[in-house]
Amino acid sequence: MRKFIPAVAVSAMLAVSASAFGAEELKGPVNLTFAAQEVGTAAYTYATALQTVMLKELPSGSKIAITTTSPGGVGAPIIVNNAVKTDIVMSNSAPAKWSMEDGILGKPKTENIAALAGGLGHDFINVMFTKKFVDKTGIKTVEELVAKKYPVKIVIKKNGTLGELSAEKVFEALGAKLEDVKAWGGTVEKTGGDAIKSGLQDDLYDMTVDHIGAGQSNTTELCLTHDMYDVQLGDETLKKLVDMGYDYVTVEPNTWKGQTEAIKTVGSQQLVLVSTTMDNAVAYNLTKALCEHAAELGDQVAALKFFDPKKAGSKQLTGVPLHPGAAEYYKEKGYAAE
């Protein structure tokens, strides 16, 4: 007796067949969802740019619907796990790694996530003291601050942000915790970007740690209106942060007012994250679209000019394993595929 195979199943079978040889075209239109944050955010801007080029390598009639359901880069791995809430999302390499290996934000491990491409951006851990604090204490490094257990007044982003997590990781690399600052007689305040800026301007705080990019408005304004001191993390500290999932980044001179020398730091760049359940052929074609239209991405969003297809498949930039379809494309091109 012959079994009836639904058309949907036939379509899936054809796609899988094509995915065994990634260069073959998909057999029919593909409908996907891409979760971003609300309109006006960087995540939404990234998503619209990526959507434009992704459609160029999908069959005619394909659709990628952008939703505003992403919780941001830290929580993004959770919603794409098993494609329960979305097919595609932007995250950051370090949170993706932590989410897969240990779980994040109190959630279980997200084992069914995979990367298409990493290195989309040039964000970095930014550490600053107020000049008033440096003049008063003579302390110029976080390493010295921790060694002396100085009662510093720190202000950082709210819980669940990459800024807050990065502050925790900096102290962890030095064998300490943010909670230790309170035991030293200091304070740790967690708040929004505007409050951080105004609090430092008014010398209510001594120090901040964030994960941002050049041109970030609050930090730019802060440095224009208040004397700040750019902190250089030590080589050993940076190495430990790289081991945690960050990658080296150089902050060029004059990124901030008063910063006359380059700062060597680390960052966790944006990546395109999908579920391991995505069809190989779909993942292949999406990856091809990103890489072969990289220049167009850079024209649409300045931060995407840093995207380098030759490195996009490296584990340091993805934090998690590549989707097999993405890996197939990178291997064909002779690019990094880890």
Protein backbone atom coordinates (compact mmCIF):
# COMPACT_ATOMS: atom_id res chain seq x y z
CA MET A 1 0.00 0.00 0.00
CA ARG A 2 1.42 3.37 -1.03
CA LYS A 3 1.72 6.00 1.65
CA PHE A 4 0.48 9.52 0.97
CA ILE A 5 3.22 12.11 1.55
CA PRO A 6 1.94 15.65 2.20
CA ALA A 7 3.22 18.42 -0.09
CA VAL A 8 4.91 20.10 2.87
CA ALA A 9 6.90 16.95 3.55
CA VAL A 10 7.86 16.66 -0.11
CA SER A 11 9.11 20.25 -0.06
CA ALA A 12 11.16 19.54 3.03
CA MET A 13 12.62 16.41 1.48
CA LEU A 14 13.66 18.32 -1.62
CA ALA A 15 15.28 21.01 0.49
CA VAL A 16 17.20 18.44 2.48
CA SER A 17 18.35 16.81 -0.74
CA ALA A 18 19.61 20.16 -1.97
CA SER A 19 21.35 20.84 1.32
CA ALA A 20 23.63 17.84 0.87
CA PHE A 21 25.27 19.91 -1.86
CA GLY A 22 24.83 23.43 -0.53
CA ALA A 23 25.46 25.15 -3.84
CA GLU A 24 22.21 23.74 -5.28
CA GLU A 25 19.22 26.05 -5.20
CA LEU A 26 16.26 25.64 -2.91
CA LYS A 27 13.24 24.15 -4.65
CA GLY A 28 10.61 26.66 -3.54
CA PRO A 29 9.84 29.80 -1.52
CA VAL A 30 10.92 29.98 2.11
CA ASN A 31 9.03 31.79 4.88
CA LEU A 32 11.06 32.83 7.93
CA THR A 33 10.75 35.11 10.95
CA PHE A 34 13.56 37.41 12.12
CA ALA A 35 13.20 38.66 15.70
CA ALA A 36 14.47 42.18 16.40
CA GLN A 37 13.83 44.74 19.12
CA GLU A 38 11.51 47.71 18.70
CA VAL A 39 11.73 50.08 15.76
CA GLY A 40 14.52 52.61 16.25
CA THR A 41 16.91 50.25 18.04
CA ALA A 42 20.22 49.12 16.61
CA ALA A 43 18.88 45.55 16.53
CA TYR A 44 15.98 46.59 14.30
CA THR A 45 18.30 48.52 11.98
CA TYR A 46 20.60 45.50 11.69
CA ALA A 47 17.67 43.17 11.02
CA THR A 48 16.27 45.28 8.17
CA ALA A 49 19.67 45.44 6.49
CA LEU A 50 20.20 41.69 6.83
CA GLN A 51 16.68 40.93 5.65
CA THR A 52 17.31 42.88 2.44
CA VAL A 53 20.36 40.88 1.43
CA MET A 54 19.10 37.52 2.69
CA LEU A 55 16.15 37.64 0.32
CA LYS A 56 18.53 38.01 -2.63
CA GLU A 57 19.71 34.40 -2.24
CA LEU A 58 16.32 32.81 -1.50
CA PRO A 59 13.83 31.61 -4.14
CA SER A 60 11.36 34.07 -5.61
CA GLY A 61 8.34 34.50 -3.37
CA SER A 62 10.30 33.92 -0.15
CA LYS A 63 9.51 36.11 2.83
CA ILE A 64 11.38 37.10 5.99
CA ALA A 65 9.04 38.77 8.46
CA ILE A 66 10.71 41.01 11.05
CA THR A 67 9.09 40.89 14.46
CA THR A 68 9.89 43.04 17.51
CA THR A 69 10.01 40.14 19.96
CA SER A 70 13.75 39.91 20.65
CA PRO A 71 14.77 40.52 24.28
CA GLY A 72 18.17 41.80 23.09
CA GLY A 73 21.50 40.12 22.50
CA VAL A 74 21.76 38.52 25.93
CA GLY A 75 18.36 36.80 25.86
CA ALA A 76 18.27 36.17 22.11
CA PRO A 77 19.65 32.59 22.23
CA ILE A 78 16.69 31.56 24.36
CA ILE A 79 14.01 32.52 21.85
CA VAL A 80 15.70 30.90 18.83
CA ASN A 81 16.40 27.62 20.64
CA ASN A 82 14.58 24.94 18.63
CA ALA A 83 13.00 27.80 16.60
CA VAL A 84 10.18 27.96 19.13
CA LYS A 85 9.70 31.75 18.81
CA THR A 86 11.74 32.74 15.76
CA ASP A 87 13.91 31.38 12.94
CA ILE A 88 16.61 34.06 13.04
CA VAL A 89 17.83 36.50 15.67
CA MET A 90 20.82 38.74 16.35
CA SER A 91 22.84 37.99 19.47
CA ASN A 92 26.42 38.50 20.67
CA SER A 93 29.10 35.84 20.60
CA ALA A 94 29.86 35.74 24.34
CA PRO A 95 26.22 35.53 25.55
CA ALA A 96 25.55 32.87 22.91
CA LYS A 97 28.50 30.86 24.24
CA TRP A 98 27.43 31.27 27.88
CA SER A 99 23.84 30.40 27.01
CA MET A 100 24.83 27.19 25.26
CA GLU A 101 27.40 26.07 27.83
CA ASP A 102 25.83 27.13 31.13
CA GLY A 103 22.45 28.73 30.51
CA ILE A 104 21.84 32.44 30.91
CA LEU A 105 19.39 34.73 32.75
CA GLY A 106 18.37 31.83 34.95
CA LYS A 107 17.30 29.72 31.95
CA PRO A 108 18.44 26.18 31.00
CA LYS A 109 21.19 25.64 28.45
CA THR A 110 20.22 26.51 24.88
CA GLU A 111 21.75 23.49 23.21
CA ASN A 112 19.90 23.77 19.89
CA ILE A 113 21.38 27.03 18.62
CA ALA A 114 23.86 27.57 15.80
CA ALA A 115 25.61 30.46 14.07
CA LEU A 116 25.46 31.61 10.48
CA ALA A 117 27.99 34.44 10.75
CA GLY A 118 29.80 36.42 13.43
CA GLY A 119 31.78 39.62 13.64
CA LEU A 120 29.00 41.99 12.64
CA GLY A 121 30.11 45.13 14.45
CA HIS A 122 32.93 46.68 16.44
CA ASP A 123 31.63 46.93 20.02
CA PHE A 124 33.94 46.71 23.01
CA ILE A 125 34.25 46.71 26.79
CA ASN A 126 34.73 50.33 27.81
CA VAL A 127 36.11 51.09 31.29
CA MET A 128 36.31 54.64 32.59
CA PHE A 129 37.18 56.39 35.85
CA THR A 130 36.36 60.01 36.49
CA LYS A 131 39.49 62.16 36.43
CA LYS A 132 38.51 63.42 39.87
CA PHE A 133 38.74 59.84 41.19
CA VAL A 134 42.17 59.29 39.60
CA ASP A 135 43.49 62.60 40.97
CA LYS A 136 42.18 61.77 44.43
CA THR A 137 43.38 58.16 44.69
CA GLY A 138 46.20 57.79 42.16
CA ILE A 139 44.49 54.58 40.98
CA LYS A 140 44.62 54.20 37.19
CA THR A 141 43.83 50.51 36.62
CA VAL A 142 41.12 48.08 37.64
CA GLU A 143 43.84 45.64 38.65
CA GLU A 144 45.15 48.12 41.23
CA LEU A 145 41.62 48.94 42.36
CA VAL A 146 40.86 45.29 43.09
CA ALA A 147 44.24 44.65 44.73
CA LYS A 148 43.67 47.54 47.13
CA LYS A 149 39.99 46.64 47.64
CA TYR A 150 39.25 50.30 47.29
CA PRO A 151 35.69 51.41 48.22
CA VAL A 152 34.87 52.63 44.72
CA LYS A 153 31.45 53.88 43.63
CA ILE A 154 30.53 52.03 40.41
CA VAL A 155 27.59 52.65 38.08
CA ILE A 156 26.67 50.17 35.31
CA LYS A 157 23.74 49.06 33.17
CA LYS A 158 20.79 47.09 34.51
CA ASN A 159 20.70 43.32 35.11
CA GLY A 160 20.38 41.26 31.94
CA THR A 161 22.28 43.69 29.72
CA LEU A 162 25.61 42.89 28.11
CA GLY A 163 27.02 45.99 29.80
CA GLU A 164 26.19 44.59 33.23
CA LEU A 165 27.42 41.11 32.35
CA SER A 166 30.66 42.54 30.96
CA ALA A 167 31.28 44.43 34.20
CA GLU A 168 30.84 41.16 36.07
CA LYS A 169 33.27 39.41 33.72
CA VAL A 170 35.94 42.10 34.17
CA PHE A 171 35.87 41.61 37.94
CA GLU A 172 35.71 37.82 37.51
CA ALA A 173 38.88 37.96 35.42
CA LEU A 174 40.54 39.62 38.42
CA GLY A 175 39.34 37.00 40.87
CA ALA A 176 36.65 39.24 42.35
CA LYS A 177 32.92 39.89 42.13
CA LEU A 178 30.91 43.06 41.88
CA GLU A 179 29.36 42.12 45.22
CA ASP A 180 32.81 42.36 46.79
CA VAL A 181 32.84 46.11 46.17
CA LYS A 182 30.11 46.52 48.78
CA ALA A 183 32.19 44.58 51.30
CA TRP A 184 35.03 47.01 50.62
CA GLY A 185 32.73 49.88 51.56
CA GLY A 186 31.90 50.90 48.00
CA THR A 187 28.67 50.84 46.01
CA VAL A 188 27.39 49.29 42.77
CA GLU A 189 24.44 51.05 41.16
CA LYS A 190 22.61 49.51 38.19
CA THR A 191 20.54 51.88 36.08
CA GLY A 192 19.87 53.24 32.59
CA GLY A 193 22.27 54.97 30.23
CA ASP A 194 21.07 58.53 30.87
CA ALA A 195 21.33 58.09 34.63
CA ILE A 196 24.85 56.69 34.27
CA LYS A 197 25.89 59.73 32.25
CA SER A 198 24.38 62.30 34.62
CA GLY A 199 25.64 60.50 37.74
CA LEU A 200 29.23 60.54 36.45
CA GLN A 201 28.88 64.16 35.36
CA ASP A 202 27.83 65.06 38.90
CA ASP A 203 30.63 62.94 40.45
CA LEU A 204 28.10 60.76 42.25
CA TYR A 205 30.11 57.78 40.95
CA ASP A 206 33.78 57.07 40.32
CA MET A 207 33.71 54.44 37.62
CA THR A 208 31.69 52.73 34.91
CA VAL A 209 32.03 49.60 32.75
CA ASP A 210 29.96 49.08 29.63
CA HIS A 211 29.88 47.19 26.33
CA ILE A 212 29.38 49.78 23.58
CA GLY A 213 30.58 50.99 20.20
CA ALA A 214 32.33 54.13 19.03
CA GLY A 215 29.92 57.05 18.82
CA GLN A 216 27.60 55.78 21.55
CA SER A 217 25.72 58.97 22.43
CA ASN A 218 25.78 58.92 26.24
CA THR A 219 29.51 58.19 26.46
CA THR A 220 30.28 60.74 23.75
CA GLU A 221 28.34 63.43 25.61
CA LEU A 222 29.86 62.41 28.95
CA CYS A 223 33.39 62.87 27.64
CA LEU A 224 32.50 66.21 26.04
CA THR A 225 31.10 67.58 29.30
CA HIS A 226 33.21 65.95 32.02
CA ASP A 227 36.85 64.96 32.48
CA MET A 228 37.08 61.17 32.25
CA TYR A 229 40.04 58.76 32.38
CA ASP A 230 40.17 55.89 29.88
CA VAL A 231 41.28 52.70 31.62
CA GLN A 232 43.61 50.21 29.94
CA LEU A 233 43.04 46.63 31.13
CA GLY A 234 46.18 44.52 31.64
CA ASP A 235 47.26 41.88 29.15
CA GLU A 236 46.52 39.01 31.53
CA THR A 237 43.05 40.39 32.25
CA LEU A 238 42.34 40.71 28.53
CA LYS A 239 43.54 37.15 27.90
CA LYS A 240 41.14 35.83 30.54
CA LEU A 241 38.27 37.75 28.95
CA VAL A 242 39.14 36.28 25.55
CA ASP A 243 39.05 32.82 27.12
CA MET A 244 35.54 33.66 28.36
CA GLY A 245 34.35 34.30 24.81
CA TYR A 246 35.32 37.88 23.92
CA ASP A 247 37.76 38.83 21.16
CA TYR A 248 40.43 41.52 20.96
CA VAL A 249 39.36 44.98 19.79
CA THR A 250 41.37 48.19 19.45
CA VAL A 251 39.66 51.48 20.29
CA GLU A 252 41.26 54.02 18.00
CA PRO A 253 42.68 57.29 19.39
CA ASN A 254 40.15 60.13 19.73
CA THR A 255 37.19 57.78 19.82
CA TRP A 256 36.31 59.75 22.98
CA LYS A 257 37.33 63.32 23.79
CA GLY A 258 40.61 63.32 25.69
CA GLN A 259 41.56 59.81 24.58
CA THR A 260 44.79 60.48 22.70
CA GLU A 261 46.11 56.91 22.63
CA ALA A 262 44.69 53.64 21.34
CA ILE A 263 43.07 51.41 23.96
CA LYS A 264 43.46 47.66 23.62
CA THR A 265 40.34 45.95 24.89
CA VAL A 266 37.96 43.10 24.00
CA GLY A 267 34.43 42.88 22.68
CA SER A 268 31.63 40.50 21.86
CA GLN A 269 30.34 41.19 18.37
CA GLN A 270 26.92 40.64 16.88
CA LEU A 271 26.20 37.36 15.16
CA VAL A 272 23.32 35.83 13.25
CA LEU A 273 21.88 33.00 15.31
CA VAL A 274 19.47 30.29 14.18
CA SER A 275 18.15 27.00 15.51
CA THR A 276 19.95 23.75 14.74
CA THR A 277 16.59 22.63 13.30
CA MET A 278 16.89 25.03 10.35
CA ASP A 279 17.22 23.18 7.04
CA ASN A 280 20.80 22.97 5.80
CA ALA A 281 19.99 24.42 2.39
CA VAL A 282 18.25 27.42 3.94
CA ALA A 283 21.18 28.07 6.26
CA TYR A 284 23.60 27.72 3.34
CA ASN A 285 21.77 30.27 1.23
CA LEU A 286 21.34 32.75 4.08
CA THR A 287 25.07 32.55 4.83
CA LYS A 288 25.90 32.99 1.17
CA ALA A 289 23.68 36.07 1.07
CA LEU A 290 25.41 37.69 4.04
CA CYS A 291 28.90 37.03 2.72
CA GLU A 292 28.40 37.83 -0.94
CA HIS A 293 26.53 41.06 -0.19
CA ALA A 294 28.81 42.19 2.64
CA ALA A 295 29.63 45.50 0.95
CA GLU A 296 25.94 46.32 0.68
CA LEU A 297 25.50 45.64 4.39
CA GLY A 298 28.29 48.09 5.15
CA ASP A 299 26.63 50.72 2.97
CA GLN A 300 23.37 50.35 4.88
CA VAL A 301 24.78 50.26 8.44
CA ALA A 302 28.19 51.72 9.29
CA ALA A 303 28.96 49.14 12.00
CA LEU A 304 28.53 46.34 9.44
CA LYS A 305 31.58 47.59 7.52
CA PHE A 306 33.63 45.55 10.00
CA PHE A 307 32.00 42.31 8.84
CA ASP A 308 34.64 40.08 7.21
CA PRO A 309 33.25 36.92 5.54
CA LYS A 310 36.69 35.28 5.69
CA LYS A 311 36.57 35.36 9.49
CA ALA A 312 32.80 35.20 10.04
CA GLY A 313 32.82 31.45 10.67
CA SER A 314 35.55 31.50 13.33
CA LYS A 315 34.57 30.24 16.79
CA GLN A 316 35.94 33.38 18.45
CA LEU A 317 33.40 35.46 16.53
CA THR A 318 30.45 33.08 16.78
CA GLY A 319 30.78 31.70 20.30
CA VAL A 320 28.80 28.62 19.25
CA PRO A 321 29.23 26.02 16.48
CA LEU A 322 28.28 26.89 12.94
CA HIS A 323 25.10 25.52 11.44
CA PRO A 324 26.12 22.69 9.05
CA GLY A 325 24.70 24.62 6.12
CA ALA A 326 26.77 27.69 7.01
CA ALA A 327 29.87 25.56 7.52
CA GLU A 328 29.38 24.06 4.06
CA TYR A 329 29.45 27.52 2.48
CA TYR A 330 32.57 28.66 4.34
CA LYS A 331 34.43 25.46 3.50
CA GLU A 332 33.59 25.83 -0.18
CA LYS A 333 35.01 29.36 -0.12
CA GLY A 334 38.09 28.35 1.87
CA TYR A 335 37.10 30.61 4.77
CA ALA A 336 37.29 29.91 8.52
CA ALA A 337 34.70 27.27 9.45
CA GLU A 338 34.87 26.23 13.11
